[in-house]
């Protein structure tokens, strides 16, 4: 059996902080995230995606169009290394696609909200 890499388990669900407002359709949110630039992890990148409301927890307040509120997006953790976490999003984000690089300290592994 291969030895697992040090860090969190592959595919483990966790939560990343975000801001949400109503999406285009009923039952979805427009989600805004801060991510790290995969080519230059010291730089942050603004990303956004549409996500089913079941992929968002801990919504604080009532989101309105152009007035997003804090929440947590459910993501899959691929791996952690040197304080960075590689994540898979529930839907592709602009401009980063399906994968996201985040500061490991930004994640939580506990159900929130």
PDB file of N, CA and C in Angstrom:
ATOM      1  N   UNK A   1       0.842  -1.184   0.000  1.00  0.00           N
ATOM      2  CA  UNK A   1       0.000   0.000   0.000  1.00  0.00           C
ATOM      3  C   UNK A   1       0.884   1.243   0.000  1.00  0.00           C
ATOM      4  N   UNK A   2       0.546   2.214  -0.820  1.00  0.00           N
ATOM      5  CA  UNK A   2       1.337   3.443  -0.915  1.00  0.00           C
ATOM      6  C   UNK A   2       1.135   4.293   0.328  1.00  0.00           C
ATOM      7  N   UNK A   3       2.182   4.958   0.733  1.00  0.00           N
ATOM      8  CA  UNK A   3       2.107   5.831   1.888  1.00  0.00           C
ATOM      9  C   UNK A   3       1.409   7.125   1.495  1.00  0.00           C
ATOM     10  N   UNK A   4       0.474   7.579   2.341  1.00  0.00           N
ATOM     11  CA  UNK A   4      -0.239   8.830   2.061  1.00  0.00           C
ATOM     12  C   UNK A   4       0.685  10.016   2.296  1.00  0.00           C
ATOM     13  N   UNK A   5       0.498  11.050   1.505  1.00  0.00           N
ATOM     14  CA  UNK A   5       1.267  12.272   1.695  1.00  0.00           C
ATOM     15  C   UNK A   5       0.811  12.942   2.978  1.00  0.00           C
ATOM     16  N   UNK A   6       1.716  13.638   3.620  1.00  0.00           N
ATOM     17  CA  UNK A   6       1.376  14.360   4.828  1.00  0.00           C
ATOM     18  C   UNK A   6       0.381  15.452   4.490  1.00  0.00           C
ATOM     19  N   UNK A   7      -0.613  15.610   5.329  1.00  0.00           N
ATOM     20  CA  UNK A   7      -1.649  16.611   5.085  1.00  0.00           C
ATOM     21  C   UNK A   7      -3.013  15.983   5.241  1.00  0.00           C
ATOM     22  N   UNK A   8      -4.038  16.699   4.858  1.00  0.00           N
ATOM     23  CA  UNK A   8      -5.413  16.226   4.987  1.00  0.00           C
ATOM     24  C   UNK A   8      -5.719  15.173   3.939  1.00  0.00           C
ATOM     25  N   UNK A   9      -6.783  14.413   4.184  1.00  0.00           N
ATOM     26  CA  UNK A   9      -7.166  13.333   3.281  1.00  0.00           C
ATOM     27  C   UNK A   9      -7.684  13.859   1.951  1.00  0.00           C
ATOM     28  N   UNK A  10      -7.322  13.174   0.892  1.00  0.00           N
ATOM     29  CA  UNK A  10      -7.772  13.490  -0.456  1.00  0.00           C
ATOM     30  C   UNK A  10      -9.292  13.345  -0.531  1.00  0.00           C
ATOM     31  N   UNK A  11      -9.985  14.353  -1.046  1.00  0.00           N
ATOM     32  CA  UNK A  11     -11.425  14.290  -1.231  1.00  0.00           C
ATOM     33  C   UNK A  11     -12.234  14.681  -0.011  1.00  0.00           C
ATOM     34  N   UNK A  12     -11.604  15.031   1.077  1.00  0.00           N
ATOM     35  CA  UNK A  12     -12.299  15.432   2.293  1.00  0.00           C
ATOM     36  C   UNK A  12     -13.072  16.729   2.045  1.00  0.00           C
ATOM     37  N   UNK A  13     -14.314  16.785   2.529  1.00  0.00           N
ATOM     38  CA  UNK A  13     -15.095  18.013   2.394  1.00  0.00           C
ATOM     39  C   UNK A  13     -14.647  19.013   3.440  1.00  0.00           C
ATOM     40  N   UNK A  14     -14.586  20.272   3.042  1.00  0.00           N
ATOM     41  CA  UNK A  14     -14.283  21.349   3.964  1.00  0.00           C
ATOM     42  C   UNK A  14     -15.006  22.599   3.466  1.00  0.00           C
ATOM     43  N   UNK A  15     -14.814  23.688   4.163  1.00  0.00           N
ATOM     44  CA  UNK A  15     -15.535  24.917   3.864  1.00  0.00           C
ATOM     45  C   UNK A  15     -14.551  26.065   3.691  1.00  0.00           C
ATOM     46  N   UNK A  16     -14.817  26.903   2.694  1.00  0.00           N
ATOM     47  CA  UNK A  16     -13.985  28.067   2.432  1.00  0.00           C
ATOM     48  C   UNK A  16     -14.884  29.308   2.540  1.00  0.00           C
ATOM     49  N   UNK A  17     -14.378  30.394   3.154  1.00  0.00           N
ATOM     50  CA  UNK A  17     -15.206  31.588   3.287  1.00  0.00           C
ATOM     51  C   UNK A  17     -15.510  32.219   1.932  1.00  0.00           C
ATOM     52  N   UNK A  18     -16.700  32.775   1.824  1.00  0.00           N
ATOM     53  CA  UNK A  18     -17.123  33.408   0.578  1.00  0.00           C
ATOM     54  C   UNK A  18     -18.160  34.482   0.891  1.00  0.00           C
ATOM     55  N   UNK A  19     -18.634  35.126  -0.140  1.00  0.00           N
ATOM     56  CA  UNK A  19     -19.778  36.046  -0.051  1.00  0.00           C
ATOM     57  C   UNK A  19     -20.773  35.592  -1.103  1.00  0.00           C
ATOM     58  N   UNK A  20     -22.058  35.676  -0.808  1.00  0.00           N
ATOM     59  CA  UNK A  20     -23.070  35.200  -1.747  1.00  0.00           C
ATOM     60  C   UNK A  20     -24.172  36.238  -1.951  1.00  0.00           C
ATOM     61  N   UNK A  21     -24.753  36.177  -3.145  1.00  0.00           N
ATOM     62  CA  UNK A  21     -25.950  36.940  -3.476  1.00  0.00           C
ATOM     63  C   UNK A  21     -26.809  36.028  -4.346  1.00  0.00           C
ATOM     64  N   UNK A  22     -28.078  36.366  -4.563  1.00  0.00           N
ATOM     65  CA  UNK A  22     -28.916  35.501  -5.397  1.00  0.00           C
ATOM     66  C   UNK A  22     -28.309  35.301  -6.780  1.00  0.00           C
ATOM     67  N   UNK A  23     -28.463  34.075  -7.301  1.00  0.00           N
ATOM     68  CA  UNK A  23     -27.964  33.749  -8.633  1.00  0.00           C
ATOM     69  C   UNK A  23     -28.996  34.066  -9.701  1.00  0.00           C
ATOM     70  N   UNK A  24     -28.796  33.492 -10.870  1.00  0.00           N
ATOM     71  CA  UNK A  24     -29.714  33.715 -11.991  1.00  0.00           C
ATOM     72  C   UNK A  24     -31.019  32.950 -11.822  1.00  0.00           C
ATOM     73  N   UNK A  25     -30.936  31.800 -11.157  1.00  0.00           N
ATOM     74  CA  UNK A  25     -32.100  30.927 -11.027  1.00  0.00           C
ATOM     75  C   UNK A  25     -32.426  30.684  -9.559  1.00  0.00           C
ATOM     76  N   UNK A  26     -33.655  30.271  -9.308  1.00  0.00           N
ATOM     77  CA  UNK A  26     -34.078  29.928  -7.962  1.00  0.00           C
ATOM     78  C   UNK A  26     -33.215  28.760  -7.474  1.00  0.00           C
ATOM     79  N   UNK A  27     -32.791  28.832  -6.225  1.00  0.00           N
ATOM     80  CA  UNK A  27     -32.006  27.741  -5.655  1.00  0.00           C
ATOM     81  C   UNK A  27     -30.519  27.811  -5.930  1.00  0.00           C
ATOM     82  N   UNK A  28     -30.043  28.943  -6.457  1.00  0.00           N
ATOM     83  CA  UNK A  28     -28.599  29.068  -6.682  1.00  0.00           C
ATOM     84  C   UNK A  28     -28.113  30.412  -6.164  1.00  0.00           C
ATOM     85  N   UNK A  29     -26.837  30.445  -5.842  1.00  0.00           N
ATOM     86  CA  UNK A  29     -26.165  31.669  -5.405  1.00  0.00           C
ATOM     87  C   UNK A  29     -25.075  32.031  -6.397  1.00  0.00           C
ATOM     88  N   UNK A  30     -24.814  33.324  -6.514  1.00  0.00           N
ATOM     89  CA  UNK A  30     -23.597  33.820  -7.138  1.00  0.00           C
ATOM     90  C   UNK A  30     -22.606  33.944  -5.984  1.00  0.00           C
ATOM     91  N   UNK A  31     -21.505  33.214  -6.076  1.00  0.00           N
ATOM     92  CA  UNK A  31     -20.536  33.100  -4.987  1.00  0.00           C
ATOM     93  C   UNK A  31     -19.262  33.850  -5.359  1.00  0.00           C
ATOM     94  N   UNK A  32     -18.791  34.685  -4.442  1.00  0.00           N
ATOM     95  CA  UNK A  32     -17.540  35.430  -4.616  1.00  0.00           C
ATOM     96  C   UNK A  32     -16.508  34.858  -3.654  1.00  0.00           C
ATOM     97  N   UNK A  33     -15.320  34.557  -4.188  1.00  0.00           N
ATOM     98  CA  UNK A  33     -14.242  33.971  -3.397  1.00  0.00           C
ATOM     99  C   UNK A  33     -12.941  34.742  -3.573  1.00  0.00           C
ATOM    100  N   UNK A  34     -12.115  34.692  -2.563  1.00  0.00           N
ATOM    101  CA  UNK A  34     -10.717  35.131  -2.680  1.00  0.00           C
ATOM    102  C   UNK A  34      -9.893  33.864  -2.817  1.00  0.00           C
ATOM    103  N   UNK A  35      -9.045  33.823  -3.808  1.00  0.00           N
ATOM    104  CA  UNK A  35      -8.195  32.659  -4.044  1.00  0.00           C
ATOM    105  C   UNK A  35      -6.758  33.140  -4.206  1.00  0.00           C
ATOM    106  N   UNK A  36      -5.856  32.187  -4.302  1.00  0.00           N
ATOM    107  CA  UNK A  36      -4.454  32.505  -4.569  1.00  0.00           C
ATOM    108  C   UNK A  36      -4.158  32.193  -6.027  1.00  0.00           C
ATOM    109  N   UNK A  37      -3.349  33.026  -6.633  1.00  0.00           N
ATOM    110  CA  UNK A  37      -2.943  32.822  -8.017  1.00  0.00           C
ATOM    111  C   UNK A  37      -2.084  31.554  -8.075  1.00  0.00           C
ATOM    112  N   UNK A  38      -2.487  30.545  -8.869  1.00  0.00           N
ATOM    113  CA  UNK A  38      -1.718  29.304  -8.911  1.00  0.00           C
ATOM    114  C   UNK A  38      -0.271  29.498  -9.382  1.00  0.00           C
ATOM    115  N   UNK A  39      -0.026  30.477 -10.242  1.00  0.00           N
ATOM    116  CA  UNK A  39       1.331  30.726 -10.742  1.00  0.00           C
ATOM    117  C   UNK A  39       2.176  31.532  -9.761  1.00  0.00           C
ATOM    118  N   UNK A  40       1.506  32.367  -8.956  1.00  0.00           N
ATOM    119  CA  UNK A  40       2.178  33.227  -7.968  1.00  0.00           C
ATOM    120  C   UNK A  40       1.354  33.222  -6.688  1.00  0.00           C
ATOM    121  N   UNK A  41       1.505  32.194  -5.827  1.00  0.00           N
ATOM    122  CA  UNK A  41       0.655  32.042  -4.643  1.00  0.00           C
ATOM    123  C   UNK A  41       0.676  33.215  -3.664  1.00  0.00           C
ATOM    124  N   UNK A  42       1.624  34.115  -3.805  1.00  0.00           N
ATOM    125  CA  UNK A  42       1.648  35.280  -2.918  1.00  0.00           C
ATOM    126  C   UNK A  42       0.630  36.337  -3.362  1.00  0.00           C
ATOM    127  N   UNK A  43       0.049  36.180  -4.556  1.00  0.00           N
ATOM    128  CA  UNK A  43      -0.944  37.125  -5.092  1.00  0.00           C
ATOM    129  C   UNK A  43      -2.347  36.541  -4.952  1.00  0.00           C
ATOM    130  N   UNK A  44      -3.303  37.409  -4.573  1.00  0.00           N
ATOM    131  CA  UNK A  44      -4.682  36.942  -4.484  1.00  0.00           C
ATOM    132  C   UNK A  44      -5.436  37.247  -5.778  1.00  0.00           C
ATOM    133  N   UNK A  45      -6.475  36.463  -6.011  1.00  0.00           N
ATOM    134  CA  UNK A  45      -7.303  36.578  -7.210  1.00  0.00           C
ATOM    135  C   UNK A  45      -8.759  36.553  -6.768  1.00  0.00           C
ATOM    136  N   UNK A  46      -9.585  37.430  -7.331  1.00  0.00           N
ATOM    137  CA  UNK A  46     -11.022  37.381  -7.090  1.00  0.00           C
ATOM    138  C   UNK A  46     -11.626  36.388  -8.060  1.00  0.00           C
ATOM    139  N   UNK A  47     -12.463  35.492  -7.542  1.00  0.00           N
ATOM    140  CA  UNK A  47     -13.112  34.487  -8.378  1.00  0.00           C
ATOM    141  C   UNK A  47     -14.604  34.494  -8.075  1.00  0.00           C
ATOM    142  N   UNK A  48     -15.394  34.047  -9.044  1.00  0.00           N
ATOM    143  CA  UNK A  48     -16.829  33.915  -8.811  1.00  0.00           C
ATOM    144  C   UNK A  48     -17.380  32.721  -9.566  1.00  0.00           C
ATOM    145  N   UNK A  49     -18.451  32.164  -9.018  1.00  0.00           N
ATOM    146  CA  UNK A  49     -19.103  31.010  -9.626  1.00  0.00           C
ATOM    147  C   UNK A  49     -20.562  30.991  -9.213  1.00  0.00           C
ATOM    148  N   UNK A  50     -21.361  30.260  -9.978  1.00  0.00           N
ATOM    149  CA  UNK A  50     -22.737  29.989  -9.591  1.00  0.00           C
ATOM    150  C   UNK A  50     -22.732  28.641  -8.901  1.00  0.00           C
ATOM    151  N   UNK A  51     -23.382  28.551  -7.732  1.00  0.00           N
ATOM    152  CA  UNK A  51     -23.418  27.290  -6.986  1.00  0.00           C
ATOM    153  C   UNK A  51     -24.827  27.042  -6.479  1.00  0.00           C
ATOM    154  N   UNK A  52     -25.202  25.783  -6.475  1.00  0.00           N
ATOM    155  CA  UNK A  52     -26.470  25.363  -5.893  1.00  0.00           C
ATOM    156  C   UNK A  52     -26.493  25.797  -4.433  1.00  0.00           C
ATOM    157  N   UNK A  53     -27.640  26.243  -3.953  1.00  0.00           N
ATOM    158  CA  UNK A  53     -27.711  26.719  -2.569  1.00  0.00           C
ATOM    159  C   UNK A  53     -27.361  25.628  -1.559  1.00  0.00           C
ATOM    160  N   UNK A  54     -27.438  24.340  -1.943  1.00  0.00           N
ATOM    161  CA  UNK A  54     -27.055  23.254  -1.040  1.00  0.00           C
ATOM    162  C   UNK A  54     -25.546  23.188  -0.843  1.00  0.00           C
ATOM    163  N   UNK A  55     -24.761  23.868  -1.700  1.00  0.00           N
ATOM    164  CA  UNK A  55     -23.300  23.883  -1.576  1.00  0.00           C
ATOM    165  C   UNK A  55     -22.814  25.066  -0.745  1.00  0.00           C
ATOM    166  N   UNK A  56     -23.757  25.824  -0.180  1.00  0.00           N
ATOM    167  CA  UNK A  56     -23.421  27.005   0.618  1.00  0.00           C
ATOM    168  C   UNK A  56     -24.061  26.844   1.992  1.00  0.00           C
ATOM    169  N   UNK A  57     -23.278  27.059   3.046  1.00  0.00           N
ATOM    170  CA  UNK A  57     -23.786  26.957   4.418  1.00  0.00           C
ATOM    171  C   UNK A  57     -23.404  28.201   5.196  1.00  0.00           C
ATOM    172  N   UNK A  58     -24.040  28.383   6.345  1.00  0.00           N
ATOM    173  CA  UNK A  58     -23.682  29.480   7.241  1.00  0.00           C
ATOM    174  C   UNK A  58     -23.909  30.853   6.653  1.00  0.00           C
ATOM    175  N   UNK A  59     -24.954  31.013   5.840  1.00  0.00           N
ATOM    176  CA  UNK A  59     -25.261  32.317   5.237  1.00  0.00           C
ATOM    177  C   UNK A  59     -25.651  33.278   6.354  1.00  0.00           C
ATOM    178  N   UNK A  60     -24.962  34.412   6.415  1.00  0.00           N
ATOM    179  CA  UNK A  60     -25.183  35.393   7.477  1.00  0.00           C
ATOM    180  C   UNK A  60     -26.034  36.544   6.960  1.00  0.00           C
ATOM    181  N   UNK A  61     -27.315  36.482   7.245  1.00  0.00           N
ATOM    182  CA  UNK A  61     -28.221  37.534   6.794  1.00  0.00           C
ATOM    183  C   UNK A  61     -28.982  37.096   5.551  1.00  0.00           C
ATOM    184  N   UNK A  62     -29.585  38.076   4.905  1.00  0.00           N
ATOM    185  CA  UNK A  62     -30.372  37.820   3.703  1.00  0.00           C
ATOM    186  C   UNK A  62     -29.647  38.403   2.502  1.00  0.00           C
ATOM    187  N   UNK A  63     -29.112  37.541   1.630  1.00  0.00           N
ATOM    188  CA  UNK A  63     -28.408  38.067   0.461  1.00  0.00           C
ATOM    189  C   UNK A  63     -29.381  38.739  -0.516  1.00  0.00           C
ATOM    190  N   UNK A  64     -28.957  39.843  -1.075  1.00  0.00           N
ATOM    191  CA  UNK A  64     -29.718  40.554  -2.094  1.00  0.00           C
ATOM    192  C   UNK A  64     -28.797  40.827  -3.268  1.00  0.00           C
ATOM    193  N   UNK A  65     -29.384  41.037  -4.431  1.00  0.00           N
ATOM    194  CA  UNK A  65     -28.599  41.332  -5.618  1.00  0.00           C
ATOM    195  C   UNK A  65     -27.742  42.576  -5.362  1.00  0.00           C
ATOM    196  N   UNK A  66     -26.465  42.468  -5.677  1.00  0.00           N
ATOM    197  CA  UNK A  66     -25.457  43.520  -5.476  1.00  0.00           C
ATOM    198  C   UNK A  66     -25.195  43.830  -4.004  1.00  0.00           C
ATOM    199  N   UNK A  67     -25.668  42.988  -3.096  1.00  0.00           N
ATOM    200  CA  UNK A  67     -25.408  43.128  -1.662  1.00  0.00           C
ATOM    201  C   UNK A  67     -25.103  41.746  -1.078  1.00  0.00           C
ATOM    202  N   UNK A  68     -23.925  41.195  -1.428  1.00  0.00           N
ATOM    203  CA  UNK A  68     -23.591  39.852  -0.940  1.00  0.00           C
ATOM    204  C   UNK A  68     -23.352  39.833   0.569  1.00  0.00           C
ATOM    205  N   UNK A  69     -23.607  38.674   1.164  1.00  0.00           N
ATOM    206  CA  UNK A  69     -23.389  38.475   2.598  1.00  0.00           C
ATOM    207  C   UNK A  69     -22.390  37.335   2.795  1.00  0.00           C
ATOM    208  N   UNK A  70     -21.706  37.316   3.952  1.00  0.00           N
ATOM    209  CA  UNK A  70     -20.740  36.248   4.220  1.00  0.00           C
ATOM    210  C   UNK A  70     -21.412  34.880   4.323  1.00  0.00           C
ATOM    211  N   UNK A  71     -20.678  33.852   3.897  1.00  0.00           N
ATOM    212  CA  UNK A  71     -21.146  32.467   3.966  1.00  0.00           C
ATOM    213  C   UNK A  71     -19.930  31.554   3.825  1.00  0.00           C
ATOM    214  N   UNK A  72     -20.177  30.253   3.719  1.00  0.00           N
ATOM    215  CA  UNK A  72     -19.127  29.253   3.536  1.00  0.00           C
ATOM    216  C   UNK A  72     -19.514  28.355   2.380  1.00  0.00           C
ATOM    217  N   UNK A  73     -18.585  28.114   1.462  1.00  0.00           N
ATOM    218  CA  UNK A  73     -18.797  27.239   0.315  1.00  0.00           C
ATOM    219  C   UNK A  73     -18.200  25.867   0.609  1.00  0.00           C
ATOM    220  N   UNK A  74     -18.973  24.813   0.340  1.00  0.00           N
ATOM    221  CA  UNK A  74     -18.502  23.442   0.519  1.00  0.00           C
ATOM    222  C   UNK A  74     -17.597  23.088  -0.664  1.00  0.00           C
ATOM    223  N   UNK A  75     -16.384  22.647  -0.367  1.00  0.00           N
ATOM    224  CA  UNK A  75     -15.401  22.281  -1.389  1.00  0.00           C
ATOM    225  C   UNK A  75     -14.771  20.942  -1.021  1.00  0.00           C
ATOM    226  N   UNK A  76     -14.092  20.329  -1.973  1.00  0.00           N
ATOM    227  CA  UNK A  76     -13.340  19.093  -1.712  1.00  0.00           C
ATOM    228  C   UNK A  76     -11.858  19.433  -1.625  1.00  0.00           C
ATOM    229  N   UNK A  77     -11.244  18.954  -0.580  1.00  0.00           N
ATOM    230  CA  UNK A  77      -9.815  19.176  -0.375  1.00  0.00           C
ATOM    231  C   UNK A  77      -9.028  18.116  -1.134  1.00  0.00           C
ATOM    232  N   UNK A  78      -8.148  18.546  -2.040  1.00  0.00           N
ATOM    233  CA  UNK A  78      -7.298  17.627  -2.787  1.00  0.00           C
ATOM    234  C   UNK A  78      -6.051  17.312  -1.977  1.00  0.00           C
ATOM    235  N   UNK A  79      -5.361  18.370  -1.543  1.00  0.00           N
ATOM    236  CA  UNK A  79      -4.155  18.174  -0.727  1.00  0.00           C
ATOM    237  C   UNK A  79      -3.745  19.505  -0.104  1.00  0.00           C
ATOM    238  N   UNK A  80      -2.911  19.394   0.918  1.00  0.00           N
ATOM    239  CA  UNK A  80      -2.302  20.564   1.537  1.00  0.00           C
ATOM    240  C   UNK A  80      -0.791  20.401   1.494  1.00  0.00           C
ATOM    241  N   UNK A  81      -0.108  21.520   1.360  1.00  0.00           N
ATOM    242  CA  UNK A  81       1.344  21.498   1.345  1.00  0.00           C
ATOM    243  C   UNK A  81       1.863  22.897   1.654  1.00  0.00           C
ATOM    244  N   UNK A  82       2.749  22.996   2.613  1.00  0.00           N
ATOM    245  CA  UNK A  82       3.413  24.261   2.955  1.00  0.00           C
ATOM    246  C   UNK A  82       2.407  25.379   3.219  1.00  0.00           C
ATOM    247  N   UNK A  83       1.303  25.065   3.902  1.00  0.00           N
ATOM    248  CA  UNK A  83       0.314  26.079   4.263  1.00  0.00           C
ATOM    249  C   UNK A  83      -0.687  26.420   3.176  1.00  0.00           C
ATOM    250  N   UNK A  84      -0.578  25.755   2.008  1.00  0.00           N
ATOM    251  CA  UNK A  84      -1.514  25.989   0.907  1.00  0.00           C
ATOM    252  C   UNK A  84      -2.429  24.787   0.758  1.00  0.00           C
ATOM    253  N   UNK A  85      -3.659  25.048   0.314  1.00  0.00           N
ATOM    254  CA  UNK A  85      -4.630  23.974   0.104  1.00  0.00           C
ATOM    255  C   UNK A  85      -5.123  24.023  -1.337  1.00  0.00           C
ATOM    256  N   UNK A  86      -5.100  22.867  -1.999  1.00  0.00           N
ATOM    257  CA  UNK A  86      -5.669  22.757  -3.338  1.00  0.00           C
ATOM    258  C   UNK A  86      -7.073  22.202  -3.179  1.00  0.00           C
ATOM    259  N   UNK A  87      -8.059  22.909  -3.757  1.00  0.00           N
ATOM    260  CA  UNK A  87      -9.470  22.587  -3.578  1.00  0.00           C
ATOM    261  C   UNK A  87     -10.151  22.354  -4.914  1.00  0.00           C
ATOM    262  N   UNK A  88     -11.216  21.560  -4.890  1.00  0.00           N
ATOM    263  CA  UNK A  88     -12.080  21.388  -6.054  1.00  0.00           C
ATOM    264  C   UNK A  88     -13.408  22.030  -5.712  1.00  0.00           C
ATOM    265  N   UNK A  89     -13.856  22.942  -6.569  1.00  0.00           N
ATOM    266  CA  UNK A  89     -15.099  23.673  -6.372  1.00  0.00           C
ATOM    267  C   UNK A  89     -16.296  22.859  -6.857  1.00  0.00           C
ATOM    268  N   UNK A  90     -17.500  23.186  -6.368  1.00  0.00           N
ATOM    269  CA  UNK A  90     -18.688  22.466  -6.839  1.00  0.00           C
ATOM    270  C   UNK A  90     -19.036  22.782  -8.299  1.00  0.00           C
ATOM    271  N   UNK A  91     -18.604  23.921  -8.799  1.00  0.00           N
ATOM    272  CA  UNK A  91     -18.794  24.344 -10.188  1.00  0.00           C
ATOM    273  C   UNK A  91     -17.557  25.139 -10.597  1.00  0.00           C
ATOM    274  N   UNK A  92     -17.235  25.215 -11.880  1.00  0.00           N
ATOM    275  CA  UNK A  92     -16.093  26.023 -12.312  1.00  0.00           C
ATOM    276  C   UNK A  92     -16.287  27.511 -11.963  1.00  0.00           C
ATOM    277  N   UNK A  93     -15.198  28.148 -11.583  1.00  0.00           N
ATOM    278  CA  UNK A  93     -15.204  29.568 -11.241  1.00  0.00           C
ATOM    279  C   UNK A  93     -14.467  30.356 -12.309  1.00  0.00           C
ATOM    280  N   UNK A  94     -14.854  31.599 -12.476  1.00  0.00           N
ATOM    281  CA  UNK A  94     -14.133  32.509 -13.357  1.00  0.00           C
ATOM    282  C   UNK A  94     -13.161  33.294 -12.506  1.00  0.00           C
ATOM    283  N   UNK A  95     -11.928  33.417 -12.801  1.00  0.00           N
ATOM    284  CA  UNK A  95     -11.237  32.951 -13.986  1.00  0.00           C
ATOM    285  C   UNK A  95     -10.455  31.662 -13.776  1.00  0.00           C
ATOM    286  N   UNK A  96     -10.691  30.928 -12.677  1.00  0.00           N
ATOM    287  CA  UNK A  96      -9.784  29.841 -12.285  1.00  0.00           C
ATOM    288  C   UNK A  96     -10.203  28.432 -12.687  1.00  0.00           C
ATOM    289  N   UNK A  97     -11.434  28.212 -13.055  1.00  0.00           N
ATOM    290  CA  UNK A  97     -11.881  26.868 -13.399  1.00  0.00           C
ATOM    291  C   UNK A  97     -12.361  26.096 -12.182  1.00  0.00           C
ATOM    292  N   UNK A  98     -12.204  24.765 -12.220  1.00  0.00           N
ATOM    293  CA  UNK A  98     -12.736  23.896 -11.162  1.00  0.00           C
ATOM    294  C   UNK A  98     -11.847  23.822  -9.925  1.00  0.00           C
ATOM    295  N   UNK A  99     -10.574  24.161 -10.069  1.00  0.00           N
ATOM    296  CA  UNK A  99      -9.636  24.060  -8.951  1.00  0.00           C
ATOM    297  C   UNK A  99      -9.305  25.432  -8.396  1.00  0.00           C
ATOM    298  N   UNK A 100      -9.018  25.447  -7.101  1.00  0.00           N
ATOM    299  CA  UNK A 100      -8.734  26.695  -6.407  1.00  0.00           C
ATOM    300  C   UNK A 100      -7.574  26.459  -5.460  1.00  0.00           C
ATOM    301  N   UNK A 101      -6.702  27.430  -5.352  1.00  0.00           N
ATOM    302  CA  UNK A 101      -5.606  27.391  -4.386  1.00  0.00           C
ATOM    303  C   UNK A 101      -5.943  28.393  -3.286  1.00  0.00           C
ATOM    304  N   UNK A 102      -5.871  27.946  -2.041  1.00  0.00           N
ATOM    305  CA  UNK A 102      -6.245  28.792  -0.912  1.00  0.00           C
ATOM    306  C   UNK A 102      -5.220  28.648   0.191  1.00  0.00           C
ATOM    307  N   UNK A 103      -5.204  29.619   1.076  1.00  0.00           N
ATOM    308  CA  UNK A 103      -4.405  29.541   2.281  1.00  0.00           C
ATOM    309  C   UNK A 103      -5.052  28.485   3.181  1.00  0.00           C
ATOM    310  N   UNK A 104      -4.307  27.520   3.646  1.00  0.00           N
ATOM    311  CA  UNK A 104      -4.873  26.449   4.465  1.00  0.00           C
ATOM    312  C   UNK A 104      -5.577  26.993   5.705  1.00  0.00           C
ATOM    313  N   UNK A 105      -5.097  28.118   6.244  1.00  0.00           N
ATOM    314  CA  UNK A 105      -5.695  28.719   7.440  1.00  0.00           C
ATOM    315  C   UNK A 105      -7.096  29.265   7.195  1.00  0.00           C
ATOM    316  N   UNK A 106      -7.476  29.481   5.935  1.00  0.00           N
ATOM    317  CA  UNK A 106      -8.796  30.007   5.601  1.00  0.00           C
ATOM    318  C   UNK A 106      -9.892  28.937   5.692  1.00  0.00           C
ATOM    319  N   UNK A 107      -9.499  27.669   5.653  1.00  0.00           N
ATOM    320  CA  UNK A 107     -10.464  26.564   5.612  1.00  0.00           C
ATOM    321  C   UNK A 107     -10.938  26.188   7.006  1.00  0.00           C
ATOM    322  N   UNK A 108     -12.114  25.614   7.046  1.00  0.00           N
ATOM    323  CA  UNK A 108     -12.590  24.971   8.264  1.00  0.00           C
ATOM    324  C   UNK A 108     -13.112  23.590   7.864  1.00  0.00           C
ATOM    325  N   UNK A 109     -13.011  22.655   8.798  1.00  0.00           N
ATOM    326  CA  UNK A 109     -13.442  21.291   8.539  1.00  0.00           C
ATOM    327  C   UNK A 109     -14.702  20.953   9.323  1.00  0.00           C
ATOM    328  N   UNK A 110     -15.208  21.943  10.038  1.00  0.00           N
ATOM    329  CA  UNK A 110     -16.408  21.747  10.831  1.00  0.00           C
ATOM    330  C   UNK A 110     -17.602  22.317  10.100  1.00  0.00           C
ATOM    331  N   UNK A 111     -18.738  21.681  10.291  1.00  0.00           N
ATOM    332  CA  UNK A 111     -19.964  22.184   9.679  1.00  0.00           C
ATOM    333  C   UNK A 111     -20.296  23.511  10.352  1.00  0.00           C
ATOM    334  N   UNK A 112     -20.527  24.518   9.548  1.00  0.00           N
ATOM    335  CA  UNK A 112     -20.868  25.836  10.070  1.00  0.00           C
ATOM    336  C   UNK A 112     -22.287  26.173   9.671  1.00  0.00           C
ATOM    337  N   UNK A 113     -22.950  26.930  10.534  1.00  0.00           N
ATOM    338  CA  UNK A 113     -24.306  27.364  10.212  1.00  0.00           C
ATOM    339  C   UNK A 113     -25.240  26.257  10.388  1.00  0.00           C
TER     340      UNK A 113
END
